[in-house]
Structures are given as C-alpha cells and as structure tokens.
Amino acid sequence: MARCLIIGCGCRGQSLARELVARGHAVRATTRDPGRVDAVAATGAEPIVGDPDRVGTLAPALEHVAAACILLGSAAGSPEAIAALHGSRLDMLLSRMLDSTVRGIVYEASGTVEPEVLAAGAQRVRAFCEDSLIPYALLDGDGAWPAAGADAVDRVLAGL
C-alpha cells in the first residue's frame, strides 16, 4: 500500500483518513490548528500542523507521499483567502508537489466554497496534472463519503 497525504483534515478528512487506514494505507494528515492534532491522530493518521495558505508549512508533509488529497472544498475564511486557496496557493502547492514523491492527486471539487471557485480550482488541477502526466481525480460530492474519496485515491494510485 502507499502513503497518502490529506491536506485539510477536518471532519471529511478524518473520515477519509480512517477509511484509507482501514484499506492498509499509511496516512499523513494536516491541520492548521495544533489543538486538533489528537483528533487527527485518533484516525490512525500521522498528524502534521500545516496551513495550506502558507504552502511552505506543508513541504515536510510531502516527504515519501505517493498520493495527495486536497480537501479544501469547505474551507472557511474571507472570500479573498478562499479564492487564493483554490487559485494562487493551489498553483504553488501543485508546483511543490511536482518536485516531490507525490504521483497522484485527489482534489475536492465540491463543498461549501462557492461553486465557481471550486470549478476554477478543479480546472487548475486538471490542467496541471494533464500537463505533468500525473493521475488525478476530482471529488464532486457524488457517491458515499468516505468510500468515494478512498476509491479516488485507489484510482490515482492504480494510474501510476
């Protein structure tokens, strides 16, 4: 099995972490809040404090990871900050992944964030991955969560 990284390990991320661990994957998961480290660890994942708004804080989490799940579809913040998470910050994160062991990407393209912001983020992921020949999956909210997320991880890993 592979090591997977979940960027944005809130409620959905924690359920995905449990499912991936149950399927035999090693899981690393990020949280912005040091107070949530114990909750992340309780899923069986290795917790990392990192903020997707500060891409450099995520760099250590990318080590030895085969698949990365970007679960920011329900991120909270100002409209400008959310647009950056799915825009310029996402571009920086994807570029950083290119120089890592990450070889498959799953992007949450649904949630409480404005649909047009998520659609633009999904287009960024699609274009980046197709240009870089990296397998990817876009989670659109259809299907049973967390199995749908874990299935997406398995699909991108199978495409390696």
Protein backbone atom coordinates (compact mmCIF):
# COMPACT_ATOMS: atom_id res chain seq x y z
CA MET A 1 0.00 0.00 0.00
CA ALA A 2 1.00 3.63 -0.30
CA ARG A 3 1.47 6.69 1.91
CA CYS A 4 -1.29 9.22 1.37
CA LEU A 5 -1.43 12.84 2.48
CA ILE A 6 -4.67 14.58 3.37
CA ILE A 7 -4.40 18.36 3.22
CA GLY A 8 -7.28 19.75 5.24
CA CYS A 9 -8.13 17.03 7.75
CA GLY A 10 -11.42 18.33 9.15
CA CYS A 11 -14.48 16.13 9.52
CA ARG A 12 -14.43 14.76 5.96
CA GLY A 13 -10.66 14.40 6.04
CA GLN A 14 -10.81 12.45 9.27
CA SER A 15 -13.40 10.06 7.86
CA LEU A 16 -11.23 9.62 4.75
CA ALA A 17 -8.17 9.00 6.93
CA ARG A 18 -9.98 6.23 8.82
CA GLU A 19 -11.09 4.63 5.53
CA LEU A 20 -7.61 4.79 3.99
CA VAL A 21 -6.02 3.33 7.14
CA ALA A 22 -8.62 0.53 7.07
CA ARG A 23 -7.59 -0.20 3.47
CA GLY A 24 -3.96 -0.56 4.56
CA HIS A 25 -2.56 2.81 3.52
CA ALA A 26 -0.18 4.84 5.64
CA VAL A 27 -1.81 8.25 6.09
CA ARG A 28 -0.39 11.63 6.97
CA ALA A 29 -2.86 14.48 7.53
CA THR A 30 -2.58 18.21 8.03
CA THR A 31 -4.44 20.55 10.31
CA ARG A 32 -3.97 24.28 10.81
CA ASP A 33 -4.97 24.00 14.45
CA PRO A 34 -2.47 22.42 16.88
CA GLY A 35 -5.45 21.71 19.14
CA ARG A 36 -6.79 19.21 16.58
CA VAL A 37 -3.65 17.07 16.44
CA ASP A 38 -5.10 14.49 18.86
CA ALA A 39 -8.31 14.18 16.82
CA VAL A 40 -6.27 13.60 13.65
CA ALA A 41 -4.04 11.06 15.41
CA ALA A 42 -7.14 9.18 16.65
CA THR A 43 -7.94 8.34 13.00
CA GLY A 44 -4.69 6.41 12.69
CA ALA A 45 -3.09 9.16 10.61
CA GLU A 46 0.19 10.89 11.35
CA PRO A 47 -0.79 14.49 12.18
CA ILE A 48 1.15 17.44 10.76
CA VAL A 49 0.47 21.06 11.67
CA GLY A 50 0.49 22.96 8.39
CA ASP A 51 -1.50 25.69 6.72
CA PRO A 52 -2.39 25.48 3.00
CA ASP A 53 -2.37 29.28 2.99
CA ARG A 54 1.34 29.04 3.83
CA VAL A 55 2.47 26.38 1.37
CA GLY A 56 5.96 26.19 2.86
CA THR A 57 4.47 24.74 6.06
CA LEU A 58 3.22 21.75 4.04
CA ALA A 59 6.59 20.88 2.47
CA PRO A 60 7.67 18.43 5.21
CA ALA A 61 4.35 16.61 4.88
CA LEU A 62 5.06 15.81 1.21
CA GLU A 63 8.04 13.55 2.00
CA HIS A 64 7.53 9.94 0.86
CA VAL A 65 3.90 10.53 -0.16
CA ALA A 66 2.50 8.82 -3.26
CA ALA A 67 -0.99 10.39 -3.33
CA ALA A 68 -2.14 13.76 -2.01
CA CYS A 69 -5.76 14.61 -1.22
CA ILE A 70 -6.55 18.33 -1.25
CA LEU A 71 -9.72 18.61 0.81
CA LEU A 72 -10.44 22.33 0.96
CA GLY A 73 -13.93 22.32 -0.52
CA SER A 74 -15.42 23.58 2.72
CA ALA A 75 -12.54 25.75 3.92
CA ALA A 76 -13.52 28.83 5.92
CA GLY A 77 -12.20 32.35 5.58
CA SER A 78 -12.69 35.56 3.70
CA PRO A 79 -13.75 35.28 0.06
CA GLU A 80 -10.30 36.54 -0.97
CA ALA A 81 -8.49 33.96 1.18
CA ILE A 82 -10.67 31.12 -0.12
CA ALA A 83 -10.14 32.24 -3.71
CA ALA A 84 -6.37 32.19 -3.09
CA LEU A 85 -6.53 28.67 -1.58
CA HIS A 86 -8.12 27.41 -4.79
CA GLY A 87 -6.08 29.75 -7.01
CA SER A 88 -2.57 31.06 -6.42
CA ARG A 89 -1.92 28.94 -3.30
CA LEU A 90 -3.14 25.85 -5.12
CA ASP A 91 -0.77 26.62 -8.01
CA MET A 92 2.15 26.91 -5.56
CA LEU A 93 1.16 23.67 -3.83
CA LEU A 94 0.91 21.77 -7.12
CA SER A 95 4.31 23.10 -8.19
CA ARG A 96 5.79 21.99 -4.88
CA MET A 97 4.29 18.52 -5.39
CA LEU A 98 5.96 18.21 -8.77
CA ASP A 99 9.33 18.27 -7.02
CA SER A 100 8.28 15.61 -4.50
CA THR A 101 7.34 11.94 -4.48
CA VAL A 102 3.64 12.78 -4.99
CA ARG A 103 2.45 10.99 -8.13
CA GLY A 104 -1.31 11.16 -7.77
CA ILE A 105 -3.67 13.97 -6.71
CA VAL A 106 -7.26 13.95 -5.47
CA TYR A 107 -8.99 17.35 -5.34
CA GLU A 108 -12.26 18.02 -3.53
CA ALA A 109 -14.27 19.94 -6.12
CA SER A 110 -17.42 20.27 -4.03
CA GLY A 111 -18.33 21.67 -0.64
CA THR A 112 -19.46 24.93 0.88
CA VAL A 113 -16.98 27.08 -1.06
CA GLU A 114 -18.56 28.97 -3.98
CA PRO A 115 -19.04 26.57 -6.91
CA GLU A 116 -17.21 28.82 -9.37
CA VAL A 117 -14.15 28.94 -7.07
CA LEU A 118 -14.14 25.14 -6.80
CA ALA A 119 -14.61 24.78 -10.56
CA ALA A 120 -11.62 27.05 -11.17
CA GLY A 121 -9.54 25.02 -8.71
CA ALA A 122 -10.60 21.79 -10.40
CA GLN A 123 -9.56 23.23 -13.77
CA ARG A 124 -6.15 24.16 -12.31
CA VAL A 125 -5.66 20.62 -11.01
CA ARG A 126 -6.83 19.09 -14.30
CA ALA A 127 -4.52 21.27 -16.40
CA PHE A 128 -1.53 20.78 -14.10
CA CYS A 129 -1.94 17.01 -13.87
CA GLU A 130 -2.58 16.50 -17.57
CA ASP A 131 0.42 18.66 -18.45
CA SER A 132 2.62 16.82 -15.91
CA LEU A 133 1.20 13.35 -16.70
CA ILE A 134 0.11 12.88 -13.08
CA PRO A 135 -3.01 10.79 -12.39
CA TYR A 136 -5.76 12.77 -10.67
CA ALA A 137 -9.35 12.52 -9.51
CA LEU A 138 -11.88 15.25 -8.82
CA LEU A 139 -14.32 14.59 -5.98
CA ASP A 140 -17.63 16.14 -6.95
CA GLY A 141 -19.67 15.11 -3.94
CA ASP A 142 -21.47 12.27 -5.69
CA GLY A 143 -21.28 8.89 -4.02
CA ALA A 144 -20.94 7.74 -0.44
CA TRP A 145 -18.28 9.57 1.52
CA PRO A 146 -15.63 8.43 2.66
CA ALA A 147 -15.61 5.39 0.38
CA ALA A 148 -15.79 7.66 -2.70
CA GLY A 149 -12.69 9.53 -1.53
CA ALA A 150 -10.77 6.33 -0.80
CA ASP A 151 -11.83 4.89 -4.17
CA ALA A 152 -10.48 8.05 -5.85
CA VAL A 153 -7.15 7.56 -4.05
CA ASP A 154 -7.03 3.94 -5.20
CA ARG A 155 -7.78 5.03 -8.80
CA VAL A 156 -4.96 7.57 -8.92
CA LEU A 157 -2.57 5.08 -7.34
CA ALA A 158 -3.55 2.48 -9.93
CA GLY A 159 -2.72 5.00 -12.63
CA LEU A 160 0.90 5.29 -11.50
